[in-house]
Amino acid sequence: MTIELDATTYVHAKPTTAHSYILPKIFDVLGDHFDGSAENDVFDLGCGTGGAAAALTKAGYDVVGVDPSSDGIGKANIRYPGLALSVGSAYDDLSREYGSFSAVISLEVIEHVYDPKSFTSTMFDLVKPGGIAVISTPYHGYLKNLALAATGKMDDHFMPLKDHGHIKFWSKNTLRTLLLGTGFDNVRFEYVGRIPAFAKSMIAVADKPL
């Protein structure tokens, strides 16, 4: 069996609902990282229909993005014709094609990835020494999972019937282990959407050593 990476389709090119609670923290993280630097280069790995890339570009960042969905990139190119968004996958040699960046972001993507080690290895290659990787993913912790089970919400949350849905369910410990194993260090976390114990998503920020 083969998996068609470009098979995901999108209804529209508007920012997703998750962006409403994820992007404010992403802006905080990037603002702290660049902190007045002349550099403003960001790579968006798994940019979807370009909503986050457009918001970052509007804020003054120089954004390049790829997504394996030709449908998503097609919609992005129509809605945001000035953005540098192309079809591409974390399983491609992206650093050879695009170089390296001071920050690489990937928002609500890694839970869909079949080979997360290859995914974070590609991220590592894309990040300049001294730069950061920023990954958001739905949060899974003991109390939240217990609440989902107790309220009968597990099926809705895990979406097993959705094509190209979530196939990896990350905890703070497993995502930290993945990033450290890839070569990143100083992994820290932010929680967004609700209080931390019941957060909708967590954001991992990791440094690439100099």
Protein backbone atom coordinates (compact mmCIF):
# COMPACT_ATOMS: atom_id res chain seq x y z
CA MET A 1 0.00 0.00 0.00
CA THR A 2 1.22 3.49 -0.81
CA ILE A 3 0.20 6.71 0.91
CA GLU A 4 -0.64 9.69 -1.29
CA LEU A 5 0.90 12.59 0.60
CA ASP A 6 -0.80 15.14 -1.65
CA ALA A 7 -4.30 13.69 -1.22
CA THR A 8 -5.45 16.02 1.55
CA THR A 9 -8.11 18.45 0.36
CA TYR A 10 -9.22 21.71 1.94
CA VAL A 11 -12.58 23.49 1.97
CA HIS A 12 -11.05 26.97 1.89
CA ALA A 13 -7.82 28.91 2.37
CA LYS A 14 -8.88 30.82 5.48
CA PRO A 15 -6.91 30.51 8.74
CA THR A 16 -8.04 27.47 10.74
CA THR A 17 -9.90 27.69 14.03
CA ALA A 18 -6.78 26.49 15.85
CA HIS A 19 -4.88 29.56 14.61
CA SER A 20 -7.00 31.75 16.89
CA TYR A 21 -5.32 30.34 20.00
CA ILE A 22 -2.01 29.11 18.53
CA LEU A 23 -0.80 32.09 16.50
CA PRO A 24 -0.69 34.65 19.36
CA LYS A 25 1.77 32.41 21.20
CA ILE A 26 3.74 31.77 17.99
CA PHE A 27 4.13 35.53 17.58
CA ASP A 28 5.37 35.75 21.19
CA VAL A 29 7.89 32.94 20.65
CA LEU A 30 9.22 34.40 17.40
CA GLY A 31 9.32 37.91 18.86
CA ASP A 32 11.41 36.70 21.80
CA HIS A 33 13.72 34.76 19.49
CA PHE A 34 14.39 37.52 16.95
CA ASP A 35 14.20 40.33 19.56
CA GLY A 36 15.03 43.20 17.21
CA SER A 37 17.40 41.19 15.03
CA ALA A 38 17.73 42.19 11.38
CA GLU A 39 16.95 38.57 10.50
CA ASN A 40 13.29 37.69 10.05
CA ASP A 41 13.41 34.44 8.05
CA VAL A 42 10.86 31.74 8.86
CA PHE A 43 10.14 28.42 7.18
CA ASP A 44 6.62 26.98 7.52
CA LEU A 45 6.77 23.17 7.26
CA GLY A 46 3.29 21.92 6.46
CA CYS A 47 1.84 25.32 5.65
CA GLY A 48 -1.55 23.98 4.49
CA THR A 49 -3.49 26.73 2.74
CA GLY A 50 -1.14 29.46 3.94
CA GLY A 51 -3.11 31.08 6.75
CA ALA A 52 -0.26 31.15 9.26
CA ALA A 53 2.31 32.14 6.62
CA ALA A 54 0.09 35.05 5.54
CA ALA A 55 -0.32 36.27 9.12
CA LEU A 56 3.44 36.10 9.73
CA THR A 57 4.20 37.86 6.44
CA LYS A 58 1.78 40.64 7.35
CA ALA A 59 3.68 41.03 10.64
CA GLY A 60 6.95 41.56 8.75
CA TYR A 61 8.47 38.08 8.63
CA ASP A 62 10.02 36.70 5.46
CA VAL A 63 8.21 33.36 5.12
CA VAL A 64 8.78 30.38 2.87
CA GLY A 65 6.49 27.37 3.17
CA VAL A 66 5.77 23.93 1.77
CA ASP A 67 2.95 21.42 2.10
CA PRO A 68 2.49 18.00 0.48
CA SER A 69 -1.12 18.79 -0.45
CA SER A 70 -1.31 20.12 -3.99
CA ASP A 71 -4.91 21.12 -3.25
CA GLY A 72 -3.82 23.14 -0.21
CA ILE A 73 -1.00 24.89 -2.05
CA GLY A 74 -3.29 25.58 -5.00
CA LYS A 75 -5.78 27.33 -2.73
CA ALA A 76 -2.95 29.17 -0.94
CA ASN A 77 -1.48 30.44 -4.21
CA ILE A 78 -4.87 31.79 -5.28
CA ARG A 79 -5.65 33.50 -1.96
CA TYR A 80 -2.09 34.67 -1.20
CA PRO A 81 -0.37 35.03 -4.61
CA GLY A 82 2.56 36.96 -3.17
CA LEU A 83 3.65 34.24 -0.75
CA ALA A 84 6.45 31.75 -1.49
CA LEU A 85 4.42 28.59 -0.83
CA SER A 86 5.07 25.41 -2.82
CA VAL A 87 4.30 21.71 -2.86
CA GLY A 88 6.89 19.87 -0.79
CA SER A 89 7.23 17.27 1.94
CA ALA A 90 9.31 16.71 5.05
CA TYR A 91 10.45 13.53 3.30
CA ASP A 92 12.16 15.69 0.64
CA ASP A 93 15.65 17.19 0.96
CA LEU A 94 14.23 20.62 1.74
CA SER A 95 17.43 22.16 3.09
CA ARG A 96 19.17 21.47 -0.20
CA GLU A 97 16.39 23.23 -2.08
CA TYR A 98 15.62 26.09 0.30
CA GLY A 99 18.68 26.50 2.55
CA SER A 100 18.35 27.14 6.28
CA PHE A 101 16.32 29.53 8.40
CA SER A 102 16.48 31.28 11.76
CA ALA A 103 13.13 29.76 12.71
CA VAL A 104 11.22 26.78 11.37
CA ILE A 105 7.60 26.37 12.43
CA SER A 106 5.21 23.46 11.98
CA LEU A 107 1.70 23.97 13.31
CA GLU A 108 -0.67 21.06 13.96
CA VAL A 109 1.22 18.81 11.55
CA ILE A 110 3.32 16.26 13.42
CA GLU A 111 0.24 14.37 14.63
CA HIS A 112 -0.43 13.48 10.96
CA VAL A 113 3.13 12.29 10.20
CA TYR A 114 3.91 8.63 9.52
CA ASP A 115 7.67 8.97 10.13
CA PRO A 116 8.23 11.60 12.83
CA LYS A 117 11.98 10.95 13.06
CA SER A 118 12.42 11.85 9.39
CA PHE A 119 10.16 14.85 9.92
CA THR A 120 12.21 16.32 12.79
CA SER A 121 15.46 15.44 11.01
CA THR A 122 14.30 17.57 8.08
CA MET A 123 13.40 20.35 10.52
CA PHE A 124 16.85 20.12 12.09
CA ASP A 125 18.54 20.50 8.70
CA LEU A 126 16.35 23.52 7.89
CA VAL A 127 17.22 25.39 11.12
CA LYS A 128 20.35 27.54 11.21
CA PRO A 129 22.74 26.91 14.11
CA GLY A 130 21.43 29.05 16.95
CA GLY A 131 17.94 29.03 15.42
CA ILE A 132 14.74 27.48 16.73
CA ALA A 133 12.19 24.87 15.76
CA VAL A 134 8.61 25.54 16.85
CA ILE A 135 6.09 22.68 16.75
CA SER A 136 2.46 22.79 17.83
CA THR A 137 0.33 19.67 18.25
CA PRO A 138 -2.81 18.70 20.16
CA TYR A 139 -1.99 18.26 23.83
CA HIS A 140 -2.33 14.85 25.46
CA GLY A 141 -1.89 14.56 29.21
CA TYR A 142 -3.30 12.27 31.90
CA LEU A 143 -5.98 14.62 33.22
CA LYS A 144 -7.15 15.70 29.78
CA ASN A 145 -7.34 12.12 28.50
CA LEU A 146 -9.21 11.08 31.66
CA ALA A 147 -11.70 13.90 31.12
CA LEU A 148 -12.19 12.90 27.48
CA ALA A 149 -12.84 9.31 28.48
CA ALA A 150 -15.20 10.25 31.31
CA THR A 151 -17.28 12.52 29.06
CA GLY A 152 -17.38 10.12 26.10
CA LYS A 153 -15.43 12.49 23.85
CA MET A 154 -12.57 10.14 22.86
CA ASP A 155 -13.99 9.29 19.42
CA ASP A 156 -14.56 12.93 18.53
CA HIS A 157 -11.09 13.87 19.75
CA PHE A 158 -9.11 11.12 18.02
CA MET A 159 -11.13 11.30 14.75
CA PRO A 160 -10.40 7.69 13.64
CA LEU A 161 -12.83 7.86 10.71
CA LYS A 162 -11.30 10.98 9.15
CA ASP A 163 -9.01 10.42 6.16
CA HIS A 164 -5.49 11.76 6.80
CA GLY A 165 -6.45 12.49 10.40
CA HIS A 166 -4.38 12.25 13.56
CA ILE A 167 -2.24 9.13 13.75
CA LYS A 168 0.27 10.13 16.47
CA PHE A 169 -0.76 11.38 19.90
CA TRP A 170 2.05 13.30 21.54
CA SER A 171 2.74 13.94 25.19
CA LYS A 172 5.24 16.45 26.49
CA ASN A 173 7.67 13.62 27.29
CA THR A 174 7.44 11.87 23.91
CA LEU A 175 7.80 15.06 21.90
CA ARG A 176 10.75 16.19 24.03
CA THR A 177 12.41 12.79 23.52
CA LEU A 178 11.90 13.02 19.76
CA LEU A 179 13.41 16.51 19.51
CA LEU A 180 16.38 15.74 21.76
CA GLY A 181 17.05 12.56 19.81
CA THR A 182 17.13 14.59 16.61
CA GLY A 183 19.86 16.88 17.98
CA PHE A 184 17.89 19.84 19.32
CA ASP A 185 18.36 21.01 22.89
CA ASN A 186 16.73 23.25 25.50
CA VAL A 187 13.24 21.99 24.64
CA ARG A 188 10.52 23.97 26.43
CA PHE A 189 6.74 24.02 26.19
CA GLU A 190 3.86 26.47 26.04
CA TYR A 191 0.20 25.52 26.39
CA VAL A 192 -2.61 27.22 24.49
CA GLY A 193 -6.39 26.99 24.51
CA ARG A 194 -7.76 26.47 28.04
CA ILE A 195 -5.68 26.01 31.21
CA PRO A 196 -2.49 23.92 30.84
CA ALA A 197 -3.92 20.66 32.25
CA PHE A 198 -6.70 20.72 29.65
CA ALA A 199 -4.92 22.68 26.90
CA LYS A 200 -6.10 22.25 23.33
CA SER A 201 -2.54 22.30 22.00
CA MET A 202 1.02 22.44 23.24
CA ILE A 203 3.86 24.27 21.55
CA ALA A 204 7.39 22.88 21.74
CA VAL A 205 10.27 25.29 21.19
CA ALA A 206 13.71 23.77 20.66
CA ASP A 207 17.14 25.26 19.97
CA LYS A 208 19.62 24.07 17.39
CA PRO A 209 23.08 24.21 19.00
CA LEU A 210 25.65 26.61 17.59
